[in-house]
Amino acid sequence: MAKKILVVDDDPHIVDYLVTLFQDNGYETCSASDGDVALATMKAEKPDLVTLDLEMPNEWGPRFYRKFSQDEALKETPVIVISGLSGIHLAIRKAVATVNKPFDPDQVLKIVKDTIG
């Protein structure tokens, strides 16, 4: 069974790009454009990994992370932060990786493969 990745970003171009990248490499995907939708999607889809933008409408990335990390069923889900903000390595200390936009798709894929196979 394919591993599932939740792509959380408010930029539809980034979402489309990452979803296509992951699907082309054998992963299932789901996506959300803000933290509120992302939390509901996480509970429904139970992804194996989350890529997370930090700046989004309705719910900022770190706040979304705090909410889902308090849920016993979701708290162990690994997160890759992908953001254009500076200092992103400090935003979510338990993230398995932080990647600056614009990003190298091969780098993101390697992190995903190293994290969930």
PDB file of N, CA and C in Angstrom:
ATOM      1  N   MET A   1       0.840  -1.178   0.000  1.00  0.00           N
ATOM      2  CA  MET A   1       0.000   0.000   0.000  1.00  0.00           C
ATOM      3  C   MET A   1       0.891   1.251   0.000  1.00  0.00           C
ATOM      4  N   ALA A   2       0.561   2.199  -0.847  1.00  0.00           N
ATOM      5  CA  ALA A   2       1.353   3.413  -0.980  1.00  0.00           C
ATOM      6  C   ALA A   2       1.234   4.284   0.267  1.00  0.00           C
ATOM      7  N   LYS A   3       2.330   4.934   0.610  1.00  0.00           N
ATOM      8  CA  LYS A   3       2.325   5.887   1.722  1.00  0.00           C
ATOM      9  C   LYS A   3       1.601   7.151   1.268  1.00  0.00           C
ATOM     10  N   LYS A   4       0.951   7.821   2.222  1.00  0.00           N
ATOM     11  CA  LYS A   4       0.151   9.008   1.903  1.00  0.00           C
ATOM     12  C   LYS A   4       0.815  10.262   2.468  1.00  0.00           C
ATOM     13  N   ILE A   5       0.848  11.305   1.632  1.00  0.00           N
ATOM     14  CA  ILE A   5       1.436  12.581   2.026  1.00  0.00           C
ATOM     15  C   ILE A   5       0.371  13.670   1.947  1.00  0.00           C
ATOM     16  N   LEU A   6       0.255  14.448   3.018  1.00  0.00           N
ATOM     17  CA  LEU A   6      -0.628  15.611   3.045  1.00  0.00           C
ATOM     18  C   LEU A   6       0.212  16.838   2.722  1.00  0.00           C
ATOM     19  N   VAL A   7      -0.164  17.546   1.659  1.00  0.00           N
ATOM     20  CA  VAL A   7       0.506  18.783   1.250  1.00  0.00           C
ATOM     21  C   VAL A   7      -0.333  19.955   1.758  1.00  0.00           C
ATOM     22  N   VAL A   8       0.257  20.781   2.630  1.00  0.00           N
ATOM     23  CA  VAL A   8      -0.453  21.923   3.188  1.00  0.00           C
ATOM     24  C   VAL A   8       0.253  23.200   2.736  1.00  0.00           C
ATOM     25  N   ASP A   9      -0.409  23.949   1.858  1.00  0.00           N
ATOM     26  CA  ASP A   9       0.150  25.196   1.344  1.00  0.00           C
ATOM     27  C   ASP A   9      -0.992  26.013   0.755  1.00  0.00           C
ATOM     28  N   ASP A  10      -0.939  27.330   0.926  1.00  0.00           N
ATOM     29  CA  ASP A  10      -2.007  28.174   0.383  1.00  0.00           C
ATOM     30  C   ASP A  10      -1.763  28.563  -1.079  1.00  0.00           C
ATOM     31  N   ASP A  11      -0.597  28.237  -1.627  1.00  0.00           N
ATOM     32  CA  ASP A  11      -0.295  28.533  -3.029  1.00  0.00           C
ATOM     33  C   ASP A  11      -0.701  27.330  -3.880  1.00  0.00           C
ATOM     34  N   PRO A  12      -1.747  27.458  -4.696  1.00  0.00           N
ATOM     35  CA  PRO A  12      -2.221  26.313  -5.479  1.00  0.00           C
ATOM     36  C   PRO A  12      -1.178  25.764  -6.442  1.00  0.00           C
ATOM     37  N   HIS A  13      -0.251  26.612  -6.894  1.00  0.00           N
ATOM     38  CA  HIS A  13       0.803  26.135  -7.800  1.00  0.00           C
ATOM     39  C   HIS A  13       1.772  25.204  -7.067  1.00  0.00           C
ATOM     40  N   ILE A  14       2.108  25.561  -5.832  1.00  0.00           N
ATOM     41  CA  ILE A  14       2.986  24.705  -5.018  1.00  0.00           C
ATOM     42  C   ILE A  14       2.281  23.385  -4.710  1.00  0.00           C
ATOM     43  N   VAL A  15       1.007  23.467  -4.343  1.00  0.00           N
ATOM     44  CA  VAL A  15       0.238  22.253  -4.040  1.00  0.00           C
ATOM     45  C   VAL A  15       0.225  21.335  -5.268  1.00  0.00           C
ATOM     46  N   ASP A  16      -0.127  21.876  -6.423  1.00  0.00           N
ATOM     47  CA  ASP A  16      -0.175  21.069  -7.644  1.00  0.00           C
ATOM     48  C   ASP A  16       1.186  20.452  -7.954  1.00  0.00           C
ATOM     49  N   TYR A  17       2.236  21.245  -7.805  1.00  0.00           N
ATOM     50  CA  TYR A  17       3.589  20.760  -8.104  1.00  0.00           C
ATOM     51  C   TYR A  17       3.975  19.614  -7.172  1.00  0.00           C
ATOM     52  N   LEU A  18       3.784  19.807  -5.872  1.00  0.00           N
ATOM     53  CA  LEU A  18       4.157  18.766  -4.907  1.00  0.00           C
ATOM     54  C   LEU A  18       3.287  17.517  -5.056  1.00  0.00           C
ATOM     55  N   VAL A  19       1.984  17.699  -5.249  1.00  0.00           N
ATOM     56  CA  VAL A  19       1.093  16.552  -5.436  1.00  0.00           C
ATOM     57  C   VAL A  19       1.539  15.736  -6.652  1.00  0.00           C
ATOM     58  N   THR A  20       1.837  16.408  -7.746  1.00  0.00           N
ATOM     59  CA  THR A  20       2.290  15.716  -8.959  1.00  0.00           C
ATOM     60  C   THR A  20       3.624  15.022  -8.714  1.00  0.00           C
ATOM     61  N   LEU A  21       4.559  15.713  -8.073  1.00  0.00           N
ATOM     62  CA  LEU A  21       5.868  15.138  -7.764  1.00  0.00           C
ATOM     63  C   LEU A  21       5.722  13.857  -6.942  1.00  0.00           C
ATOM     64  N   PHE A  22       4.916  13.918  -5.900  1.00  0.00           N
ATOM     65  CA  PHE A  22       4.750  12.754  -5.029  1.00  0.00           C
ATOM     66  C   PHE A  22       4.001  11.620  -5.736  1.00  0.00           C
ATOM     67  N   GLN A  23       2.942  11.948  -6.463  1.00  0.00           N
ATOM     68  CA  GLN A  23       2.188  10.915  -7.178  1.00  0.00           C
ATOM     69  C   GLN A  23       3.049  10.244  -8.242  1.00  0.00           C
ATOM     70  N   ASP A  24       3.867  11.024  -8.945  1.00  0.00           N
ATOM     71  CA  ASP A  24       4.759  10.463  -9.971  1.00  0.00           C
ATOM     72  C   ASP A  24       5.796   9.529  -9.373  1.00  0.00           C
ATOM     73  N   ASN A  25       6.005   9.635  -8.061  1.00  0.00           N
ATOM     74  CA  ASN A  25       6.974   8.781  -7.377  1.00  0.00           C
ATOM     75  C   ASN A  25       6.310   7.734  -6.491  1.00  0.00           C
ATOM     76  N   GLY A  26       5.029   7.453  -6.747  1.00  0.00           N
ATOM     77  CA  GLY A  26       4.351   6.331  -6.119  1.00  0.00           C
ATOM     78  C   GLY A  26       3.649   6.598  -4.809  1.00  0.00           C
ATOM     79  N   TYR A  27       3.528   7.848  -4.415  1.00  0.00           N
ATOM     80  CA  TYR A  27       2.848   8.175  -3.159  1.00  0.00           C
ATOM     81  C   TYR A  27       1.401   8.575  -3.423  1.00  0.00           C
ATOM     82  N   GLU A  28       0.540   8.306  -2.456  1.00  0.00           N
ATOM     83  CA  GLU A  28      -0.817   8.851  -2.483  1.00  0.00           C
ATOM     84  C   GLU A  28      -0.729  10.247  -1.873  1.00  0.00           C
ATOM     85  N   THR A  29      -1.651  11.118  -2.249  1.00  0.00           N
ATOM     86  CA  THR A  29      -1.613  12.473  -1.710  1.00  0.00           C
ATOM     87  C   THR A  29      -3.001  12.963  -1.329  1.00  0.00           C
ATOM     88  N   CYS A  30      -3.002  13.956  -0.467  1.00  0.00           N
ATOM     89  CA  CYS A  30      -4.173  14.750  -0.166  1.00  0.00           C
ATOM     90  C   CYS A  30      -3.617  16.147   0.094  1.00  0.00           C
ATOM     91  N   SER A  31      -4.468  17.151   0.071  1.00  0.00           N
ATOM     92  CA  SER A  31      -3.942  18.503   0.231  1.00  0.00           C
ATOM     93  C   SER A  31      -4.935  19.390   0.968  1.00  0.00           C
ATOM     94  N   ALA A  32      -4.395  20.504   1.470  1.00  0.00           N
ATOM     95  CA  ALA A  32      -5.206  21.504   2.156  1.00  0.00           C
ATOM     96  C   ALA A  32      -4.550  22.856   1.953  1.00  0.00           C
ATOM     97  N   SER A  33      -5.386  23.903   1.880  1.00  0.00           N
ATOM     98  CA  SER A  33      -4.857  25.239   1.624  1.00  0.00           C
ATOM     99  C   SER A  33      -4.728  26.096   2.877  1.00  0.00           C
ATOM    100  N   ASP A  34      -5.182  25.598   4.012  1.00  0.00           N
ATOM    101  CA  ASP A  34      -4.982  26.306   5.273  1.00  0.00           C
ATOM    102  C   ASP A  34      -5.028  25.311   6.425  1.00  0.00           C
ATOM    103  N   GLY A  35      -4.643  25.780   7.599  1.00  0.00           N
ATOM    104  CA  GLY A  35      -4.532  24.903   8.755  1.00  0.00           C
ATOM    105  C   GLY A  35      -5.833  24.290   9.219  1.00  0.00           C
ATOM    106  N   ASP A  36      -6.934  25.022   9.094  1.00  0.00           N
ATOM    107  CA  ASP A  36      -8.233  24.483   9.516  1.00  0.00           C
ATOM    108  C   ASP A  36      -8.611  23.267   8.675  1.00  0.00           C
ATOM    109  N   VAL A  37      -8.504  23.430   7.366  1.00  0.00           N
ATOM    110  CA  VAL A  37      -8.808  22.324   6.448  1.00  0.00           C
ATOM    111  C   VAL A  37      -7.792  21.193   6.651  1.00  0.00           C
ATOM    112  N   ALA A  38      -6.538  21.560   6.873  1.00  0.00           N
ATOM    113  CA  ALA A  38      -5.486  20.553   7.053  1.00  0.00           C
ATOM    114  C   ALA A  38      -5.755  19.660   8.262  1.00  0.00           C
ATOM    115  N   LEU A  39      -6.226  20.245   9.353  1.00  0.00           N
ATOM    116  CA  LEU A  39      -6.502  19.451  10.556  1.00  0.00           C
ATOM    117  C   LEU A  39      -7.623  18.457  10.302  1.00  0.00           C
ATOM    118  N   ALA A  40      -8.673  18.906   9.651  1.00  0.00           N
ATOM    119  CA  ALA A  40      -9.777  17.999   9.309  1.00  0.00           C
ATOM    120  C   ALA A  40      -9.303  16.913   8.349  1.00  0.00           C
ATOM    121  N   THR A  41      -8.466  17.287   7.389  1.00  0.00           N
ATOM    122  CA  THR A  41      -7.942  16.323   6.422  1.00  0.00           C
ATOM    123  C   THR A  41      -7.044  15.303   7.113  1.00  0.00           C
ATOM    124  N   MET A  42      -6.221  15.754   8.052  1.00  0.00           N
ATOM    125  CA  MET A  42      -5.354  14.823   8.789  1.00  0.00           C
ATOM    126  C   MET A  42      -6.179  13.792   9.546  1.00  0.00           C
ATOM    127  N   LYS A  43      -7.229  14.246  10.195  1.00  0.00           N
ATOM    128  CA  LYS A  43      -8.066  13.325  10.976  1.00  0.00           C
ATOM    129  C   LYS A  43      -8.772  12.323  10.067  1.00  0.00           C
ATOM    130  N   ALA A  44      -9.184  12.768   8.883  1.00  0.00           N
ATOM    131  CA  ALA A  44      -9.901  11.889   7.955  1.00  0.00           C
ATOM    132  C   ALA A  44      -8.963  10.959   7.186  1.00  0.00           C
ATOM    133  N   GLU A  45      -7.821  11.471   6.766  1.00  0.00           N
ATOM    134  CA  GLU A  45      -6.929  10.732   5.862  1.00  0.00           C
ATOM    135  C   GLU A  45      -5.782   9.997   6.546  1.00  0.00           C
ATOM    136  N   LYS A  46      -5.402  10.414   7.751  1.00  0.00           N
ATOM    137  CA  LYS A  46      -4.281   9.808   8.493  1.00  0.00           C
ATOM    138  C   LYS A  46      -3.027   9.655   7.610  1.00  0.00           C
ATOM    139  N   PRO A  47      -2.471  10.779   7.129  1.00  0.00           N
ATOM    140  CA  PRO A  47      -1.298  10.692   6.252  1.00  0.00           C
ATOM    141  C   PRO A  47      -0.069  10.171   6.987  1.00  0.00           C
ATOM    142  N   ASP A  48       0.884   9.651   6.214  1.00  0.00           N
ATOM    143  CA  ASP A  48       2.136   9.153   6.775  1.00  0.00           C
ATOM    144  C   ASP A  48       3.155  10.271   6.963  1.00  0.00           C
ATOM    145  N   LEU A  49       2.935  11.407   6.272  1.00  0.00           N
ATOM    146  CA  LEU A  49       3.850  12.532   6.335  1.00  0.00           C
ATOM    147  C   LEU A  49       3.098  13.793   5.908  1.00  0.00           C
ATOM    148  N   VAL A  50       3.542  14.955   6.419  1.00  0.00           N
ATOM    149  CA  VAL A  50       2.938  16.243   6.063  1.00  0.00           C
ATOM    150  C   VAL A  50       4.035  17.172   5.570  1.00  0.00           C
ATOM    151  N   THR A  51       3.789  17.836   4.420  1.00  0.00           N
ATOM    152  CA  THR A  51       4.632  18.974   4.048  1.00  0.00           C
ATOM    153  C   THR A  51       3.833  20.206   4.440  1.00  0.00           C
ATOM    154  N   LEU A  52       4.494  21.146   5.115  1.00  0.00           N
ATOM    155  CA  LEU A  52       3.768  22.248   5.744  1.00  0.00           C
ATOM    156  C   LEU A  52       4.382  23.599   5.426  1.00  0.00           C
ATOM    157  N   ASP A  53       3.581  24.465   4.839  1.00  0.00           N
ATOM    158  CA  ASP A  53       3.949  25.868   4.669  1.00  0.00           C
ATOM    159  C   ASP A  53       3.671  26.565   6.001  1.00  0.00           C
ATOM    160  N   LEU A  54       4.390  27.642   6.283  1.00  0.00           N
ATOM    161  CA  LEU A  54       4.196  28.332   7.555  1.00  0.00           C
ATOM    162  C   LEU A  54       3.188  29.468   7.469  1.00  0.00           C
ATOM    163  N   GLU A  55       3.201  30.217   6.381  1.00  0.00           N
ATOM    164  CA  GLU A  55       2.298  31.356   6.233  1.00  0.00           C
ATOM    165  C   GLU A  55       1.081  30.969   5.427  1.00  0.00           C
ATOM    166  N   MET A  56      -0.069  30.902   6.101  1.00  0.00           N
ATOM    167  CA  MET A  56      -1.314  30.533   5.438  1.00  0.00           C
ATOM    168  C   MET A  56      -2.462  31.301   6.063  1.00  0.00           C
ATOM    169  N   PRO A  57      -3.562  31.434   5.331  1.00  0.00           N
ATOM    170  CA  PRO A  57      -4.738  32.091   5.924  1.00  0.00           C
ATOM    171  C   PRO A  57      -5.378  31.192   6.986  1.00  0.00           C
ATOM    172  N   ASN A  58      -6.106  31.802   7.888  1.00  0.00           N
ATOM    173  CA  ASN A  58      -6.902  31.131   8.926  1.00  0.00           C
ATOM    174  C   ASN A  58      -6.093  30.469  10.027  1.00  0.00           C
ATOM    175  N   GLU A  59      -5.025  29.796   9.704  1.00  0.00           N
ATOM    176  CA  GLU A  59      -4.266  29.080  10.728  1.00  0.00           C
ATOM    177  C   GLU A  59      -2.802  29.037  10.322  1.00  0.00           C
ATOM    178  N   TRP A  60      -1.961  29.672  11.092  1.00  0.00           N
ATOM    179  CA  TRP A  60      -0.540  29.703  10.795  1.00  0.00           C
ATOM    180  C   TRP A  60       0.061  28.318  10.998  1.00  0.00           C
ATOM    181  N   GLY A  61       1.056  27.947  10.204  1.00  0.00           N
ATOM    182  CA  GLY A  61       1.653  26.618  10.238  1.00  0.00           C
ATOM    183  C   GLY A  61       2.030  26.109  11.626  1.00  0.00           C
ATOM    184  N   PRO A  62       2.790  26.884  12.415  1.00  0.00           N
ATOM    185  CA  PRO A  62       3.159  26.398  13.753  1.00  0.00           C
ATOM    186  C   PRO A  62       1.955  26.147  14.665  1.00  0.00           C
ATOM    187  N   ARG A  63       0.925  26.965  14.551  1.00  0.00           N
ATOM    188  CA  ARG A  63      -0.271  26.755  15.371  1.00  0.00           C
ATOM    189  C   ARG A  63      -0.983  25.470  14.952  1.00  0.00           C
ATOM    190  N   PHE A  64      -1.079  25.241  13.643  1.00  0.00           N
ATOM    191  CA  PHE A  64      -1.648  23.993  13.130  1.00  0.00           C
ATOM    192  C   PHE A  64      -0.846  22.802  13.662  1.00  0.00           C
ATOM    193  N   TYR A  65       0.477  22.907  13.619  1.00  0.00           N
ATOM    194  CA  TYR A  65       1.340  21.826  14.111  1.00  0.00           C
ATOM    195  C   TYR A  65       1.066  21.543  15.590  1.00  0.00           C
ATOM    196  N   ARG A  66       0.960  22.596  16.397  1.00  0.00           N
ATOM    197  CA  ARG A  66       0.671  22.402  17.822  1.00  0.00           C
ATOM    198  C   ARG A  66      -0.652  21.679  18.022  1.00  0.00           C
ATOM    199  N   LYS A  67      -1.662  22.058  17.238  1.00  0.00           N
ATOM    200  CA  LYS A  67      -2.982  21.425  17.385  1.00  0.00           C
ATOM    201  C   LYS A  67      -2.918  19.934  17.055  1.00  0.00           C
ATOM    202  N   PHE A  68      -2.315  19.583  15.921  1.00  0.00           N
ATOM    203  CA  PHE A  68      -2.330  18.169  15.562  1.00  0.00           C
ATOM    204  C   PHE A  68      -1.363  17.358  16.416  1.00  0.00           C
ATOM    205  N   SER A  69      -0.313  17.986  16.937  1.00  0.00           N
ATOM    206  CA  SER A  69       0.631  17.225  17.756  1.00  0.00           C
ATOM    207  C   SER A  69       0.074  16.930  19.151  1.00  0.00           C
ATOM    208  N   GLN A  70      -1.073  17.520  19.494  1.00  0.00           N
ATOM    209  CA  GLN A  70      -1.734  17.205  20.759  1.00  0.00           C
ATOM    210  C   GLN A  70      -2.728  16.054  20.606  1.00  0.00           C
ATOM    211  N   ASP A  71      -2.935  15.610  19.385  1.00  0.00           N
ATOM    212  CA  ASP A  71      -3.852  14.501  19.101  1.00  0.00           C
ATOM    213  C   ASP A  71      -3.048  13.199  19.117  1.00  0.00           C
ATOM    214  N   GLU A  72      -3.402  12.302  20.025  1.00  0.00           N
ATOM    215  CA  GLU A  72      -2.659  11.037  20.178  1.00  0.00           C
ATOM    216  C   GLU A  72      -2.508  10.268  18.863  1.00  0.00           C
ATOM    217  N   ALA A  73      -3.536  10.278  18.037  1.00  0.00           N
ATOM    218  CA  ALA A  73      -3.518   9.508  16.792  1.00  0.00           C
ATOM    219  C   ALA A  73      -2.644  10.154  15.718  1.00  0.00           C
ATOM    220  N   LEU A  74      -2.348  11.434  15.863  1.00  0.00           N
ATOM    221  CA  LEU A  74      -1.630  12.160  14.808  1.00  0.00           C
ATOM    222  C   LEU A  74      -0.247  12.659  15.212  1.00  0.00           C
ATOM    223  N   LYS A  75       0.045  12.696  16.499  1.00  0.00           N
ATOM    224  CA  LYS A  75       1.220  13.418  16.984  1.00  0.00           C
ATOM    225  C   LYS A  75       2.558  12.886  16.485  1.00  0.00           C
ATOM    226  N   GLU A  76       2.621  11.644  16.065  1.00  0.00           N
ATOM    227  CA  GLU A  76       3.885  11.086  15.579  1.00  0.00           C
ATOM    228  C   GLU A  76       4.082  11.284  14.078  1.00  0.00           C
ATOM    229  N   THR A  77       3.143  11.945  13.405  1.00  0.00           N
ATOM    230  CA  THR A  77       3.243  12.161  11.966  1.00  0.00           C
ATOM    231  C   THR A  77       4.413  13.096  11.670  1.00  0.00           C
ATOM    232  N   PRO A  78       5.384  12.641  10.851  1.00  0.00           N
ATOM    233  CA  PRO A  78       6.522  13.506  10.535  1.00  0.00           C
ATOM    234  C   PRO A  78       6.115  14.682   9.651  1.00  0.00           C
ATOM    235  N   VAL A  79       6.813  15.806   9.859  1.00  0.00           N
ATOM    236  CA  VAL A  79       6.527  17.045   9.136  1.00  0.00           C
ATOM    237  C   VAL A  79       7.791  17.555   8.453  1.00  0.00           C
ATOM    238  N   ILE A  80       7.619  17.950   7.186  1.00  0.00           N
ATOM    239  CA  ILE A  80       8.669  18.668   6.470  1.00  0.00           C
ATOM    240  C   ILE A  80       8.143  20.087   6.261  1.00  0.00           C
ATOM    241  N   VAL A  81       8.835  21.072   6.808  1.00  0.00           N
ATOM    242  CA  VAL A  81       8.447  22.465   6.619  1.00  0.00           C
ATOM    243  C   VAL A  81       9.019  22.931   5.287  1.00  0.00           C
ATOM    244  N   ILE A  82       8.148  23.476   4.429  1.00  0.00           N
ATOM    245  CA  ILE A  82       8.569  24.057   3.152  1.00  0.00           C
ATOM    246  C   ILE A  82       8.016  25.471   3.120  1.00  0.00           C
ATOM    247  N   SER A  83       8.914  26.465   3.238  1.00  0.00           N
ATOM    248  CA  SER A  83       8.452  27.839   3.379  1.00  0.00           C
ATOM    249  C   SER A  83       9.441  28.826   2.781  1.00  0.00           C
ATOM    250  N   GLY A  84       8.935  29.981   2.425  1.00  0.00           N
ATOM    251  CA  GLY A  84       9.774  31.056   1.929  1.00  0.00           C
ATOM    252  C   GLY A  84      10.227  31.999   3.031  1.00  0.00           C
ATOM    253  N   LEU A  85       9.794  31.777   4.252  1.00  0.00           N
ATOM    254  CA  LEU A  85      10.176  32.643   5.365  1.00  0.00           C
ATOM    255  C   LEU A  85      11.609  32.367   5.801  1.00  0.00           C
ATOM    256  N   SER A  86      12.272  33.385   6.301  1.00  0.00           N
ATOM    257  CA  SER A  86      13.600  33.163   6.866  1.00  0.00           C
ATOM    258  C   SER A  86      13.440  32.622   8.286  1.00  0.00           C
ATOM    259  N   GLY A  87      14.431  31.933   8.766  1.00  0.00           N
ATOM    260  CA  GLY A  87      14.388  31.379  10.114  1.00  0.00           C
ATOM    261  C   GLY A  87      13.434  30.212  10.277  1.00  0.00           C
ATOM    262  N   ILE A  88      13.071  29.552   9.168  1.00  0.00           N
ATOM    263  CA  ILE A  88      12.067  28.494   9.254  1.00  0.00           C
ATOM    264  C   ILE A  88      12.535  27.298  10.077  1.00  0.00           C
ATOM    265  N   HIS A  89      13.845  27.106  10.190  1.00  0.00           N
ATOM    266  CA  HIS A  89      14.351  25.970  10.967  1.00  0.00           C
ATOM    267  C   HIS A  89      13.989  26.107  12.452  1.00  0.00           C
ATOM    268  N   LEU A  90      13.610  27.300  12.871  1.00  0.00           N
ATOM    269  CA  LEU A  90      13.240  27.524  14.275  1.00  0.00           C
ATOM    270  C   LEU A  90      11.744  27.391  14.519  1.00  0.00           C
ATOM    271  N   ALA A  91      10.935  27.419  13.462  1.00  0.00           N
ATOM    272  CA  ALA A  91       9.479  27.474  13.617  1.00  0.00           C
ATOM    273  C   ALA A  91       8.903  26.202  14.219  1.00  0.00           C
ATOM    274  N   ILE A  92       9.333  25.066  13.736  1.00  0.00           N
ATOM    275  CA  ILE A  92       8.835  23.781  14.235  1.00  0.00           C
ATOM    276  C   ILE A  92      10.054  22.907  14.499  1.00  0.00           C
ATOM    277  N   ARG A  93      10.475  22.898  15.718  1.00  0.00           N
ATOM    278  CA  ARG A  93      11.733  22.235  16.072  1.00  0.00           C
ATOM    279  C   ARG A  93      11.711  20.720  15.849  1.00  0.00           C
ATOM    280  N   LYS A  94      10.536  20.112  15.906  1.00  0.00           N
ATOM    281  CA  LYS A  94      10.448  18.655  15.729  1.00  0.00           C
ATOM    282  C   LYS A  94      10.264  18.256  14.270  1.00  0.00           C
ATOM    283  N   ALA A  95      10.312  19.223  13.345  1.00  0.00           N
ATOM    284  CA  ALA A  95      10.200  18.890  11.923  1.00  0.00           C
ATOM    285  C   ALA A  95      11.389  18.012  11.527  1.00  0.00           C
ATOM    286  N   VAL A  96      11.133  17.028  10.657  1.00  0.00           N
ATOM    287  CA  VAL A  96      12.222  16.161  10.211  1.00  0.00           C
ATOM    288  C   VAL A  96      13.170  16.902   9.289  1.00  0.00           C
ATOM    289  N   ALA A  97      12.678  17.982   8.651  1.00  0.00           N
ATOM    290  CA  ALA A  97      13.510  18.806   7.781  1.00  0.00           C
ATOM    291  C   ALA A  97      12.823  20.137   7.536  1.00  0.00           C
ATOM    292  N   THR A  98      13.626  21.129   7.193  1.00  0.00           N
ATOM    293  CA  THR A  98      13.098  22.410   6.746  1.00  0.00           C
ATOM    294  C   THR A  98      13.712  22.716   5.390  1.00  0.00           C
ATOM    295  N   VAL A  99      12.878  23.141   4.464  1.00  0.00           N
ATOM    296  CA  VAL A  99      13.301  23.397   3.097  1.00  0.00           C
ATOM    297  C   VAL A  99      12.821  24.788   2.712  1.00  0.00           C
ATOM    298  N   ASN A 100      13.728  25.582   2.170  1.00  0.00           N
ATOM    299  CA  ASN A 100      13.372  26.930   1.734  1.00  0.00           C
ATOM    300  C   ASN A 100      12.801  26.914   0.324  1.00  0.00           C
ATOM    301  N   LYS A 101      11.805  27.774   0.097  1.00  0.00           N
ATOM    302  CA  LYS A 101      11.287  28.006  -1.255  1.00  0.00           C
ATOM    303  C   LYS A 101      12.177  29.066  -1.894  1.00  0.00           C
ATOM    304  N   PRO A 102      12.478  28.979  -3.164  1.00  0.00           N
ATOM    305  CA  PRO A 102      12.168  27.850  -4.045  1.00  0.00           C
ATOM    306  C   PRO A 102      13.006  26.637  -3.647  1.00  0.00           C
ATOM    307  N   PHE A 103      12.442  25.451  -3.860  1.00  0.00           N
ATOM    308  CA  PHE A 103      13.087  24.224  -3.394  1.00  0.00           C
ATOM    309  C   PHE A 103      13.503  23.338  -4.561  1.00  0.00           C
ATOM    310  N   ASP A 104      14.428  22.452  -4.252  1.00  0.00           N
ATOM    311  CA  ASP A 104      14.897  21.462  -5.215  1.00  0.00           C
ATOM    312  C   ASP A 104      14.018  20.222  -5.038  1.00  0.00           C
ATOM    313  N   PRO A 105      13.256  19.823  -6.070  1.00  0.00           N
ATOM    314  CA  PRO A 105      12.356  18.672  -5.912  1.00  0.00           C
ATOM    315  C   PRO A 105      13.098  17.387  -5.538  1.00  0.00           C
ATOM    316  N   ASP A 106      14.313  17.212  -6.026  1.00  0.00           N
ATOM    317  CA  ASP A 106      15.086  16.011  -5.681  1.00  0.00           C
ATOM    318  C   ASP A 106      15.427  15.988  -4.193  1.00  0.00           C
ATOM    319  N   GLN A 107      15.714  17.162  -3.632  1.00  0.00           N
ATOM    320  CA  GLN A 107      16.002  17.249  -2.200  1.00  0.00           C
ATOM    321  C   GLN A 107      14.764  16.872  -1.388  1.00  0.00           C
ATOM    322  N   VAL A 108      13.610  17.395  -1.786  1.00  0.00           N
ATOM    323  CA  VAL A 108      12.363  17.093  -1.066  1.00  0.00           C
ATOM    324  C   VAL A 108      12.048  15.595  -1.170  1.00  0.00           C
ATOM    325  N   LEU A 109      12.202  15.018  -2.352  1.00  0.00           N
ATOM    326  CA  LEU A 109      11.947  13.584  -2.521  1.00  0.00           C
ATOM    327  C   LEU A 109      12.879  12.740  -1.670  1.00  0.00           C
ATOM    328  N   LYS A 110      14.147  13.129  -1.591  1.00  0.00           N
ATOM    329  CA  LYS A 110      15.100  12.368  -0.785  1.00  0.00           C
ATOM    330  C   LYS A 110      14.697  12.405   0.689  1.00  0.00           C
ATOM    331  N   ILE A 111      14.284  13.577   1.166  1.00  0.00           N
ATOM    332  CA  ILE A 111      13.836  13.687   2.561  1.00  0.00           C
ATOM    333  C   ILE A 111      12.622  12.795   2.800  1.00  0.00           C
ATOM    334  N   VAL A 112      11.663  12.820   1.865  1.00  0.00           N
ATOM    335  CA  VAL A 112      10.457  11.982   1.986  1.00  0.00           C
ATOM    336  C   VAL A 112      10.842  10.508   2.022  1.00  0.00           C
ATOM    337  N   LYS A 113      11.690  10.086   1.087  1.00  0.00           N
ATOM    338  CA  LYS A 113      12.094   8.669   1.026  1.00  0.00           C
ATOM    339  C   LYS A 113      12.859   8.247   2.265  1.00  0.00           C
ATOM    340  N   ASP A 114      13.739   9.132   2.751  1.00  0.00           N
ATOM    341  CA  ASP A 114      14.496   8.832   3.976  1.00  0.00           C
ATOM    342  C   ASP A 114      13.584   8.741   5.191  1.00  0.00           C
ATOM    343  N   THR A 115      12.470   9.470   5.168  1.00  0.00           N
ATOM    344  CA  THR A 115      11.577   9.533   6.329  1.00  0.00           C
ATOM    345  C   THR A 115      10.526   8.423   6.323  1.00  0.00           C
ATOM    346  N   ILE A 116       9.861   8.190   5.183  1.00  0.00           N
ATOM    347  CA  ILE A 116       8.767   7.199   5.161  1.00  0.00           C
ATOM    348  C   ILE A 116       8.966   6.077   4.153  1.00  0.00           C
ATOM    349  N   GLY A 117      10.074   6.098   3.433  1.00  0.00           N
ATOM    350  CA  GLY A 117      10.350   5.022   2.484  1.00  0.00           C
ATOM    351  C   GLY A 117       9.799   5.263   1.108  1.00  0.00           C
TER     352      GLY A 117
END
